[in-house]
N, C-alpha and C. Protein backbone atom coordinates (compact mmCIF):
# COMPACT_ATOMS: atom_id res chain seq x y z
N UNK A 1 0.72 -1.10 -0.06
CA UNK A 1 0.02 -0.04 0.12
C UNK A 1 0.74 1.28 0.11
N UNK A 2 1.92 1.17 0.66
CA UNK A 2 2.77 2.34 0.78
C UNK A 2 3.51 2.82 -0.50
N UNK A 3 3.86 1.68 -1.32
CA UNK A 3 4.47 1.79 -2.65
C UNK A 3 3.34 2.45 -3.61
N UNK A 4 2.08 1.95 -3.51
CA UNK A 4 1.05 2.72 -4.47
C UNK A 4 0.64 4.10 -3.91
N UNK A 5 0.59 4.37 -2.61
CA UNK A 5 0.42 5.71 -2.23
C UNK A 5 1.42 6.70 -2.31
N UNK A 6 2.71 6.28 -1.81
CA UNK A 6 3.74 7.25 -1.91
C UNK A 6 4.77 7.24 -3.17
N UNK A 7 4.59 6.11 -3.99
CA UNK A 7 5.53 6.10 -5.12
C UNK A 7 6.98 6.43 -4.98
N UNK A 8 7.48 5.60 -4.13
CA UNK A 8 8.96 5.73 -3.84
C UNK A 8 9.91 5.72 -5.02
N UNK A 9 10.89 6.59 -5.06
CA UNK A 9 12.00 6.62 -6.08
C UNK A 9 12.90 5.48 -5.83
N UNK A 10 13.80 5.26 -6.67
CA UNK A 10 14.92 4.47 -6.44
C UNK A 10 15.90 4.92 -5.65
N UNK A 11 16.73 4.20 -4.92
CA UNK A 11 17.61 4.70 -3.98
C UNK A 11 17.31 4.76 -2.52
N UNK A 12 16.00 4.54 -2.30
CA UNK A 12 15.14 4.33 -1.08
C UNK A 12 15.92 3.18 -0.19
N UNK A 13 16.06 3.32 0.72
CA UNK A 13 16.67 2.26 1.84
C UNK A 13 15.65 1.74 2.76
N UNK A 14 15.39 0.44 2.82
CA UNK A 14 14.54 0.02 3.92
C UNK A 14 15.36 -1.05 4.80
N UNK A 15 15.06 -0.91 6.10
CA UNK A 15 15.87 -1.72 7.02
C UNK A 15 14.75 -2.58 7.73
N UNK A 16 15.11 -3.88 7.94
CA UNK A 16 14.05 -4.75 8.75
C UNK A 16 14.75 -5.78 9.34
N UNK A 17 14.02 -6.62 10.14
CA UNK A 17 14.43 -7.70 10.82
C UNK A 17 14.12 -8.79 9.73
N UNK A 18 14.76 -10.07 10.10
CA UNK A 18 15.03 -11.22 9.39
C UNK A 18 13.45 -11.97 9.16
N UNK A 19 12.47 -11.24 9.32
CA UNK A 19 11.10 -12.14 9.30
C UNK A 19 10.86 -12.61 7.75
N UNK A 20 10.23 -13.65 7.86
CA UNK A 20 9.93 -14.19 6.52
C UNK A 20 9.36 -13.53 5.46
N UNK A 21 8.44 -12.61 6.02
CA UNK A 21 7.78 -11.67 4.89
C UNK A 21 8.55 -10.70 4.31
N UNK A 22 9.72 -10.38 4.91
CA UNK A 22 10.76 -9.55 4.34
C UNK A 22 11.82 -10.12 3.47
N UNK A 23 12.21 -11.52 3.97
CA UNK A 23 13.19 -12.28 3.32
C UNK A 23 12.79 -13.22 2.16
N UNK A 24 11.51 -13.05 1.98
CA UNK A 24 10.89 -14.13 0.84
C UNK A 24 11.48 -13.53 -0.26
N UNK A 25 11.34 -14.37 -1.40
CA UNK A 25 11.70 -14.19 -2.66
C UNK A 25 11.04 -12.95 -3.48
N UNK A 26 9.60 -13.01 -3.24
CA UNK A 26 8.75 -12.28 -3.90
C UNK A 26 9.01 -10.81 -3.48
N UNK A 27 9.16 -10.65 -2.13
CA UNK A 27 9.40 -9.14 -1.60
C UNK A 27 10.68 -8.77 -2.09
N UNK A 28 11.62 -9.49 -1.91
CA UNK A 28 12.97 -9.11 -2.43
C UNK A 28 13.18 -9.10 -3.95
N UNK A 29 12.28 -9.45 -4.66
CA UNK A 29 12.24 -9.24 -6.09
C UNK A 29 11.49 -7.68 -6.33
N UNK A 30 10.42 -7.63 -5.57
CA UNK A 30 9.79 -6.35 -5.58
C UNK A 30 10.69 -5.06 -5.43
N UNK A 31 11.43 -5.28 -4.28
CA UNK A 31 12.33 -4.37 -3.80
C UNK A 31 13.34 -4.11 -5.08
N UNK A 32 13.84 -5.08 -5.72
CA UNK A 32 14.90 -4.96 -6.78
C UNK A 32 14.25 -4.28 -8.05
N UNK A 33 12.97 -4.54 -8.34
CA UNK A 33 12.23 -3.95 -9.54
C UNK A 33 12.06 -2.44 -9.12
N UNK A 34 11.88 -2.00 -7.89
CA UNK A 34 11.65 -0.75 -7.47
C UNK A 34 13.00 0.04 -7.13
N UNK A 35 14.09 -0.72 -7.36
CA UNK A 35 15.46 -0.05 -7.05
C UNK A 35 15.35 0.29 -5.65
N UNK A 36 14.94 -0.41 -4.68
CA UNK A 36 15.07 -0.07 -3.35
C UNK A 36 16.04 -1.15 -2.53
N UNK A 37 16.90 -0.66 -1.84
CA UNK A 37 18.05 -1.28 -1.19
C UNK A 37 17.35 -1.87 0.18
N UNK A 38 17.54 -3.16 0.34
CA UNK A 38 17.17 -3.87 1.55
C UNK A 38 18.45 -3.93 2.58
N UNK A 39 18.32 -3.67 3.79
CA UNK A 39 19.40 -4.11 4.70
C UNK A 39 18.47 -4.88 5.79
N UNK A 40 19.21 -5.89 6.27
CA UNK A 40 18.65 -6.62 7.52
C UNK A 40 19.60 -6.86 8.73
N UNK A 41 19.06 -6.87 9.78
CA UNK A 41 19.87 -7.22 10.90
C UNK A 41 20.49 -8.43 10.77
N UNK A 42 21.48 -8.63 11.47
CA UNK A 42 22.26 -9.92 11.65
C UNK A 42 21.47 -10.95 12.76
N UNK A 43 21.25 -12.14 12.38
CA UNK A 43 20.96 -13.08 13.46
C UNK A 43 21.45 -12.78 14.77
N UNK A 44 20.60 -12.49 15.72
CA UNK A 44 21.17 -12.58 17.14
C UNK A 44 22.22 -11.29 17.50
N UNK A 45 21.94 -10.17 16.62
CA UNK A 45 22.78 -9.04 16.86
C UNK A 45 21.88 -7.75 16.86
N UNK A 46 21.34 -7.50 18.24
CA UNK A 46 20.37 -6.35 18.27
C UNK A 46 20.87 -4.91 17.98
N UNK A 47 22.23 -4.98 17.80
CA UNK A 47 22.88 -3.48 17.69
C UNK A 47 22.94 -3.29 16.37
N UNK A 48 22.59 -4.10 15.30
CA UNK A 48 22.63 -3.59 14.07
C UNK A 48 21.42 -2.54 13.84
N UNK A 49 20.61 -2.36 14.55
CA UNK A 49 19.47 -1.35 14.55
C UNK A 49 19.93 0.10 15.14
N UNK A 50 20.80 0.22 16.13
CA UNK A 50 21.16 1.32 16.67
C UNK A 50 21.39 2.53 15.82
N UNK A 51 22.43 2.21 15.01
CA UNK A 51 22.63 3.40 13.96
C UNK A 51 21.62 4.09 13.10
N UNK A 52 20.69 3.25 12.83
CA UNK A 52 19.42 3.69 11.94
C UNK A 52 18.39 4.24 12.84
N UNK A 53 18.13 3.62 14.10
CA UNK A 53 17.25 4.40 15.05
C UNK A 53 17.72 5.63 15.69
């Protein structure tokens, strides 16, 4: 819904946990098509989020 309403441009960065909804092939393919870079926290390392928050 956010993609339809906000029409993000390429170069956008999305940061998420390693949930299956974010790691699945369909979601990752959509991000690549929209030229959105995805970063994820490393397993068991909560400090990955600190610089972004």
